[in-house]
Amino acid sequence: MKNLYDVIRRPLITEKSTNLKETQHSLCFEVHRDATKPEIKKAVETLFSVKVADDTGMATTQDVIAGLDWVYNNRATYNIRVVNLSLSSSVAESYASSAIDAYVEQLWLAGVVVVTAAGNNGSSADATWYAPSNDPYAISVGALDDNQTTDTADDSLATFSSRGATQDGFYKPDVVAPGRKIVSTLAGPRVTLATTYPDRIVDTNYIRLSGTSMAAPVVAGTVALLLEKFPSLTPNQVKFLLTSAARAYPGQSDTAGMVDPVNMLLQLALELVTGSVGSANQGLTPSTALDPTTSTVSSDAYWNQSYWNQAYWNQAYWAQESSLY
């Protein structure tokens, strides 16, 4: 990873170094830029990692907002088009008053697609009540269990994957993607996940985990590739294409289908022939913290100290997700 912005320590690291290796071992959310723009310097990689948590996986509202704000302020500089948020609040709150959801919507309305992990609360009554996945604008991703086979006939929704209506009446997730026993990069041999779950380490530099946090980047990557080829698409059009082209799977129990990139491209081609691409999120009311004229978060909209210190993806959540193996 050549591009890391560390919210905890604040530097923007642009090349591999000991410092990068030492600071990379905690939860990050990722941003992807449109690689087709010639004015973007060749040295700038497609992927940025914005570090918002400490080495135990602990982050606060302030940390997450600082990360989202960095993305917003740098979206034009690096042509950032999609953000992946594999994290969850520890406090249930309406999207209309949530600080995190307000900053998510600020990005969305500025042209940045926001993809979120749905959460790992199963079918509990409040399973989908937590920011940022409860925001109606964002693309919330649930976890598909492929049962470790290539045959799609035995696919099913992972039992831990959050689903249901939010406190504001919006059904989540929007789509599902593979999220059980997914192998991904490991930040380092001494990070908490590595020392807690040494049996999950694969070939030293990778780790196998389950959770919607593993499913969300699958969709974020799909969106990044789509926007690289079709950069004029808006976030609402991207969400429309993803959800309307999602395919049914045998164990499906709700309206959230499996993301299907091929079908999505076929649908886009058809819609381009007819002259228009559909748009999601019609008729939604933005967060009350957004200025209705500028679609930016009002500077005086929030907050007291206790609000800023709410936990995101803390140790308890981390342990929960990792135990879903």
Protein backbone atom coordinates (compact mmCIF):
# COMPACT_ATOMS: atom_id res chain seq x y z
CA MET A 1 0.00 0.00 0.00
CA LYS A 2 1.69 3.20 -1.14
CA ASN A 3 -1.01 5.65 -0.06
CA LEU A 4 -1.98 5.71 3.61
CA TYR A 5 -3.56 8.63 5.43
CA ASP A 6 -3.31 8.08 9.18
CA VAL A 7 -6.10 9.88 11.03
CA ILE A 8 -4.55 8.85 14.35
CA ARG A 9 -1.09 10.30 13.57
CA ARG A 10 -2.10 12.51 10.63
CA PRO A 11 0.65 11.89 8.00
CA LEU A 12 -0.06 11.08 4.36
CA ILE A 13 2.46 8.36 3.52
CA THR A 14 3.10 7.93 -0.19
CA GLU A 15 5.82 5.30 -0.36
CA LYS A 16 6.69 2.07 1.38
CA SER A 17 8.70 2.62 4.54
CA THR A 18 9.19 1.32 8.05
CA ASN A 19 6.83 4.04 9.24
CA LEU A 20 4.08 2.77 6.96
CA LYS A 21 4.60 -0.79 8.11
CA GLU A 22 4.36 0.25 11.73
CA THR A 23 1.24 2.38 11.35
CA GLN A 24 -0.81 0.18 9.09
CA HIS A 25 -1.95 -2.42 11.58
CA SER A 26 -5.52 -1.42 12.39
CA LEU A 27 -8.85 -1.04 10.73
CA CYS A 28 -8.78 1.13 7.62
CA PHE A 29 -11.38 2.21 5.16
CA GLU A 30 -10.43 2.39 1.53
CA VAL A 31 -10.99 4.91 -1.23
CA HIS A 32 -10.64 4.34 -4.95
CA ARG A 33 -9.97 6.97 -7.57
CA ASP A 34 -10.83 7.04 -11.26
CA ALA A 35 -7.61 5.92 -12.96
CA THR A 36 -8.64 7.29 -16.36
CA LYS A 37 -7.83 10.92 -15.59
CA PRO A 38 -4.51 11.92 -17.23
CA GLU A 39 -3.95 14.80 -14.83
CA ILE A 40 -3.53 12.36 -11.94
CA LYS A 41 0.18 11.74 -11.51
CA LYS A 42 1.30 8.25 -12.42
CA ALA A 43 2.89 7.82 -9.00
CA VAL A 44 -0.49 8.06 -7.31
CA GLU A 45 -1.90 4.56 -6.85
CA THR A 46 -5.54 3.62 -7.37
CA LEU A 47 -6.10 2.72 -3.73
CA PHE A 48 -5.82 4.87 -0.61
CA SER A 49 -6.05 3.44 2.89
CA VAL A 50 -7.41 5.90 5.45
CA LYS A 51 -6.45 4.69 8.92
CA VAL A 52 -9.13 5.59 11.46
CA ALA A 53 -8.52 3.07 14.26
CA ASP A 54 -5.74 2.23 16.66
CA ASP A 55 -3.83 -1.04 16.83
CA THR A 56 -6.61 -2.80 18.77
CA GLY A 57 -9.28 -1.86 16.22
CA MET A 58 -10.72 0.94 18.36
CA ALA A 59 -12.04 4.09 16.68
CA THR A 60 -14.26 6.94 17.83
CA THR A 61 -16.80 9.06 15.99
CA GLN A 62 -14.20 11.82 15.81
CA ASP A 63 -11.69 9.50 14.12
CA VAL A 64 -14.16 8.27 11.51
CA ILE A 65 -15.36 11.81 10.76
CA ALA A 66 -11.76 12.97 10.36
CA GLY A 67 -11.22 10.21 7.81
CA LEU A 68 -14.41 10.97 5.90
CA ASP A 69 -13.57 14.65 5.96
CA TRP A 70 -10.11 13.94 4.52
CA VAL A 71 -11.72 12.03 1.67
CA TYR A 72 -14.16 14.87 1.02
CA ASN A 73 -11.44 17.51 1.01
CA ASN A 74 -9.19 15.45 -1.26
CA ARG A 75 -11.78 13.96 -3.60
CA ALA A 76 -10.94 16.38 -6.42
CA THR A 77 -7.17 16.22 -5.92
CA TYR A 78 -7.09 12.43 -6.27
CA ASN A 79 -10.35 12.02 -8.18
CA ILE A 80 -11.76 9.74 -5.48
CA ARG A 81 -14.93 8.00 -6.65
CA VAL A 82 -15.74 5.26 -4.13
CA VAL A 83 -15.21 4.68 -0.41
CA ASN A 84 -15.41 1.37 1.43
CA LEU A 85 -16.47 1.53 5.10
CA SER A 86 -15.98 -1.80 6.85
CA LEU A 87 -16.94 -0.50 10.28
CA SER A 88 -20.00 -0.06 12.46
CA SER A 89 -21.21 2.22 15.23
CA SER A 90 -21.75 0.88 18.72
CA VAL A 91 -24.80 3.13 19.20
CA ALA A 92 -28.10 2.79 17.31
CA GLU A 93 -29.27 6.11 15.91
CA SER A 94 -31.48 7.46 13.13
CA TYR A 95 -29.63 8.47 9.98
CA ALA A 96 -31.32 11.87 10.25
CA SER A 97 -29.29 12.74 13.35
CA SER A 98 -26.18 10.53 13.04
CA ALA A 99 -22.95 12.46 12.55
CA ILE A 100 -21.34 9.63 10.60
CA ASP A 101 -24.33 9.31 8.29
CA ALA A 102 -24.24 13.06 7.67
CA TYR A 103 -20.63 12.85 6.48
CA VAL A 104 -21.48 9.78 4.38
CA GLU A 105 -24.23 11.74 2.65
CA GLN A 106 -21.94 14.73 2.15
CA LEU A 107 -19.63 12.44 0.16
CA TRP A 108 -22.48 10.78 -1.72
CA LEU A 109 -24.04 14.07 -2.80
CA ALA A 110 -20.58 15.28 -3.90
CA GLY A 111 -20.26 12.35 -6.31
CA VAL A 112 -18.49 9.72 -4.20
CA VAL A 113 -20.09 6.27 -3.92
CA VAL A 114 -20.10 5.00 -0.32
CA VAL A 115 -20.15 1.24 0.29
CA THR A 116 -20.72 -0.02 3.84
CA ALA A 117 -20.65 -3.33 5.69
CA ALA A 118 -24.19 -4.25 6.79
CA GLY A 119 -23.07 -5.55 10.18
CA ASN A 120 -22.93 -8.95 11.87
CA ASN A 121 -26.06 -8.85 14.03
CA GLY A 122 -28.09 -11.43 12.12
CA SER A 123 -31.84 -10.97 12.27
CA SER A 124 -32.06 -9.24 15.65
CA ALA A 125 -34.64 -6.47 15.91
CA ASP A 126 -32.00 -3.72 15.78
CA ALA A 127 -29.62 -5.48 13.39
CA THR A 128 -29.60 -2.67 10.83
CA TRP A 129 -29.92 0.33 13.13
CA TYR A 130 -26.24 1.32 13.18
CA ALA A 131 -24.33 3.88 11.15
CA PRO A 132 -23.06 3.99 8.53
CA SER A 133 -24.90 0.99 7.05
CA ASN A 134 -28.31 2.34 8.10
CA ASP A 135 -27.98 5.38 5.85
CA PRO A 136 -30.51 5.09 3.00
CA TYR A 137 -28.19 6.70 0.44
CA ALA A 138 -25.24 4.36 0.96
CA ILE A 139 -24.86 0.87 -0.51
CA SER A 140 -25.10 -1.59 2.38
CA VAL A 141 -23.56 -5.01 1.75
CA GLY A 142 -24.53 -8.26 3.45
CA ALA A 143 -22.46 -11.46 3.51
CA LEU A 144 -23.11 -14.40 1.21
CA ASP A 145 -21.98 -17.85 2.33
CA ASP A 146 -20.81 -19.85 -0.69
CA ASN A 147 -20.22 -22.88 1.56
CA GLN A 148 -16.69 -23.12 0.19
CA THR A 149 -17.83 -24.52 -3.15
CA THR A 150 -17.86 -23.21 -6.72
CA ASP A 151 -21.43 -24.43 -7.17
CA THR A 152 -23.84 -21.52 -6.67
CA ALA A 153 -26.70 -23.92 -5.92
CA ASP A 154 -25.68 -24.17 -2.27
CA ASP A 155 -25.18 -20.42 -1.71
CA SER A 156 -27.05 -18.87 1.20
CA LEU A 157 -27.13 -15.74 3.32
CA ALA A 158 -24.56 -16.03 6.10
CA THR A 159 -26.42 -16.45 9.38
CA PHE A 160 -24.53 -13.59 11.01
CA SER A 161 -25.26 -11.08 8.22
CA SER A 162 -27.44 -8.20 9.45
CA ARG A 163 -30.77 -7.78 7.69
CA GLY A 164 -34.07 -6.04 8.29
CA ALA A 165 -35.58 -2.58 8.43
CA THR A 166 -33.71 0.35 9.94
CA GLN A 167 -35.32 2.52 12.61
CA ASP A 168 -36.28 4.85 9.74
CA GLY A 169 -38.02 2.10 7.78
CA PHE A 170 -35.42 1.38 5.05
CA TYR A 171 -34.58 -2.25 4.36
CA LYS A 172 -30.91 -3.18 4.51
CA PRO A 173 -28.70 -4.59 3.09
CA ASP A 174 -29.02 -3.49 -0.53
CA VAL A 175 -26.94 -6.35 -1.99
CA VAL A 176 -24.85 -9.26 -0.76
CA ALA A 177 -21.36 -10.47 -1.72
CA PRO A 178 -19.10 -13.33 -0.57
CA GLY A 179 -18.24 -12.74 3.08
CA ARG A 180 -17.35 -16.07 4.73
CA LYS A 181 -13.79 -17.35 5.01
CA ILE A 182 -12.42 -14.62 2.77
CA VAL A 183 -8.64 -14.35 2.45
CA SER A 184 -7.29 -10.80 2.49
CA THR A 185 -4.14 -8.90 3.34
CA LEU A 186 -2.72 -8.91 6.86
CA ALA A 187 -1.23 -5.62 8.04
CA GLY A 188 1.62 -7.27 9.94
CA PRO A 189 2.62 -10.29 12.05
CA ARG A 190 2.15 -8.48 15.38
CA VAL A 191 -1.29 -6.96 14.85
CA THR A 192 -4.10 -7.97 17.19
CA LEU A 193 -5.91 -10.14 14.65
CA ALA A 194 -2.72 -12.05 13.88
CA THR A 195 -1.85 -12.74 17.51
CA THR A 196 -5.43 -13.54 18.50
CA TYR A 197 -6.19 -15.82 15.56
CA PRO A 198 -2.88 -17.32 14.40
CA ASP A 199 -4.73 -20.28 12.88
CA ARG A 200 -6.33 -17.94 10.33
CA ILE A 201 -3.04 -16.69 8.87
CA VAL A 202 -2.41 -17.77 5.28
CA ASP A 203 1.08 -17.67 3.73
CA THR A 204 2.33 -15.22 6.38
CA ASN A 205 0.95 -12.07 4.72
CA TYR A 206 -2.75 -12.92 4.55
CA ILE A 207 -5.57 -13.81 6.93
CA ARG A 208 -8.86 -15.66 6.45
CA LEU A 209 -11.89 -14.04 8.13
CA SER A 210 -15.66 -13.91 7.91
CA GLY A 211 -18.02 -10.97 8.21
CA THR A 212 -19.78 -8.28 6.23
CA SER A 213 -16.57 -6.26 6.54
CA MET A 214 -15.06 -8.78 4.13
CA ALA A 215 -18.05 -8.62 1.77
CA ALA A 216 -18.22 -4.83 1.41
CA PRO A 217 -14.82 -4.44 -0.34
CA VAL A 218 -15.96 -6.93 -3.00
CA VAL A 219 -18.69 -4.47 -3.96
CA ALA A 220 -16.43 -1.42 -3.58
CA GLY A 221 -13.96 -3.00 -5.99
CA THR A 222 -16.76 -3.75 -8.45
CA VAL A 223 -17.85 -0.11 -8.28
CA ALA A 224 -14.26 1.11 -8.79
CA LEU A 225 -13.93 -0.95 -11.97
CA LEU A 226 -17.32 0.21 -13.22
CA LEU A 227 -16.43 3.88 -12.70
CA GLU A 228 -13.03 3.43 -14.30
CA LYS A 229 -14.82 2.41 -17.50
CA PHE A 230 -17.86 4.68 -17.13
CA PRO A 231 -16.69 7.70 -15.07
CA SER A 232 -19.78 9.79 -15.86
CA LEU A 233 -22.06 7.58 -13.75
CA THR A 234 -23.43 9.19 -10.59
CA PRO A 235 -23.60 7.44 -7.20
CA ASN A 236 -27.38 7.06 -7.57
CA GLN A 237 -26.95 5.46 -10.99
CA VAL A 238 -24.28 3.10 -9.66
CA LYS A 239 -26.55 2.00 -6.82
CA PHE A 240 -29.44 1.50 -9.26
CA LEU A 241 -27.29 -0.69 -11.51
CA LEU A 242 -25.92 -2.77 -8.64
CA THR A 243 -29.27 -3.45 -7.02
CA SER A 244 -31.38 -3.93 -10.13
CA ALA A 245 -28.83 -6.25 -11.77
CA ALA A 246 -28.19 -8.33 -8.64
CA ARG A 247 -29.09 -11.99 -9.12
CA ALA A 248 -31.18 -14.23 -6.94
CA TYR A 249 -29.44 -17.08 -5.12
CA PRO A 250 -30.96 -20.33 -3.79
CA GLY A 251 -30.88 -19.43 -0.11
CA GLN A 252 -32.09 -15.86 -0.58
CA SER A 253 -34.49 -14.75 2.13
CA ASP A 254 -34.99 -11.08 1.26
CA THR A 255 -34.74 -8.55 -1.58
CA ALA A 256 -30.95 -8.15 -1.43
CA GLY A 257 -29.55 -10.16 -4.34
CA MET A 258 -25.99 -11.25 -5.04
CA VAL A 259 -23.96 -8.56 -6.80
CA ASP A 260 -23.47 -9.60 -10.44
CA PRO A 261 -20.90 -7.49 -12.37
CA VAL A 262 -21.59 -9.15 -15.73
CA ASN A 263 -25.33 -8.67 -15.49
CA MET A 264 -24.73 -5.10 -14.33
CA LEU A 265 -22.71 -4.30 -17.45
CA LEU A 266 -25.32 -5.92 -19.68
CA GLN A 267 -28.04 -3.83 -18.05
CA LEU A 268 -25.95 -0.67 -18.39
CA ALA A 269 -25.43 -1.37 -22.09
CA LEU A 270 -29.16 -1.81 -22.56
CA GLU A 271 -29.95 1.39 -20.69
CA LEU A 272 -27.37 3.36 -22.67
CA VAL A 273 -29.05 2.16 -25.88
CA THR A 274 -32.43 3.36 -24.63
CA GLY A 275 -30.90 6.72 -23.74
CA SER A 276 -30.98 6.88 -19.95
CA VAL A 277 -29.68 5.09 -16.86
CA GLY A 278 -31.97 4.57 -13.88
CA SER A 279 -31.33 6.33 -10.60
CA ALA A 280 -31.74 5.06 -7.03
CA ASN A 281 -32.54 7.02 -3.87
CA GLN A 282 -35.38 9.00 -5.40
CA GLY A 283 -37.42 11.00 -2.90
CA LEU A 284 -35.02 10.58 0.01
CA THR A 285 -34.66 13.30 2.64
CA PRO A 286 -31.01 14.04 3.49
CA SER A 287 -29.66 14.24 7.02
CA THR A 288 -30.84 17.23 9.02
CA ALA A 289 -27.17 18.18 9.50
CA LEU A 290 -26.69 18.92 5.81
CA ASP A 291 -27.08 22.45 4.52
CA PRO A 292 -29.93 22.21 1.98
CA THR A 293 -28.19 24.66 -0.34
CA THR A 294 -24.62 23.31 -0.34
CA SER A 295 -25.22 19.66 0.71
CA THR A 296 -22.37 20.00 3.19
CA VAL A 297 -22.37 19.32 6.92
CA SER A 298 -23.18 22.47 8.87
CA SER A 299 -20.27 23.44 11.11
CA ASP A 300 -22.52 23.92 14.14
CA ALA A 301 -24.63 20.78 13.63
CA TYR A 302 -22.86 18.71 16.29
CA TRP A 303 -21.82 17.71 19.12
CA ASN A 304 -20.87 17.20 22.70
CA GLN A 305 -17.83 15.32 23.97
CA SER A 306 -19.69 12.09 24.75
CA TYR A 307 -21.05 11.97 21.21
CA TRP A 308 -17.61 12.33 19.67
CA ASN A 309 -16.31 9.48 21.83
CA GLN A 310 -18.81 6.86 20.67
CA ALA A 311 -16.96 3.74 19.61
CA TYR A 312 -16.70 2.38 16.09
CA TRP A 313 -15.53 -1.15 15.35
CA ASN A 314 -14.16 -1.52 18.85
CA GLN A 315 -12.53 -4.63 20.30
CA ALA A 316 -15.85 -6.28 21.11
CA TYR A 317 -17.06 -5.93 17.54
CA TRP A 318 -13.74 -7.11 16.19
CA ALA A 319 -13.84 -10.23 18.35
CA GLN A 320 -17.46 -10.87 17.33
CA GLU A 321 -16.62 -10.68 13.64
CA SER A 322 -13.59 -12.88 13.92
CA SER A 323 -15.48 -15.54 15.88
CA LEU A 324 -17.84 -16.00 12.92
CA TYR A 325 -15.23 -18.09 11.16
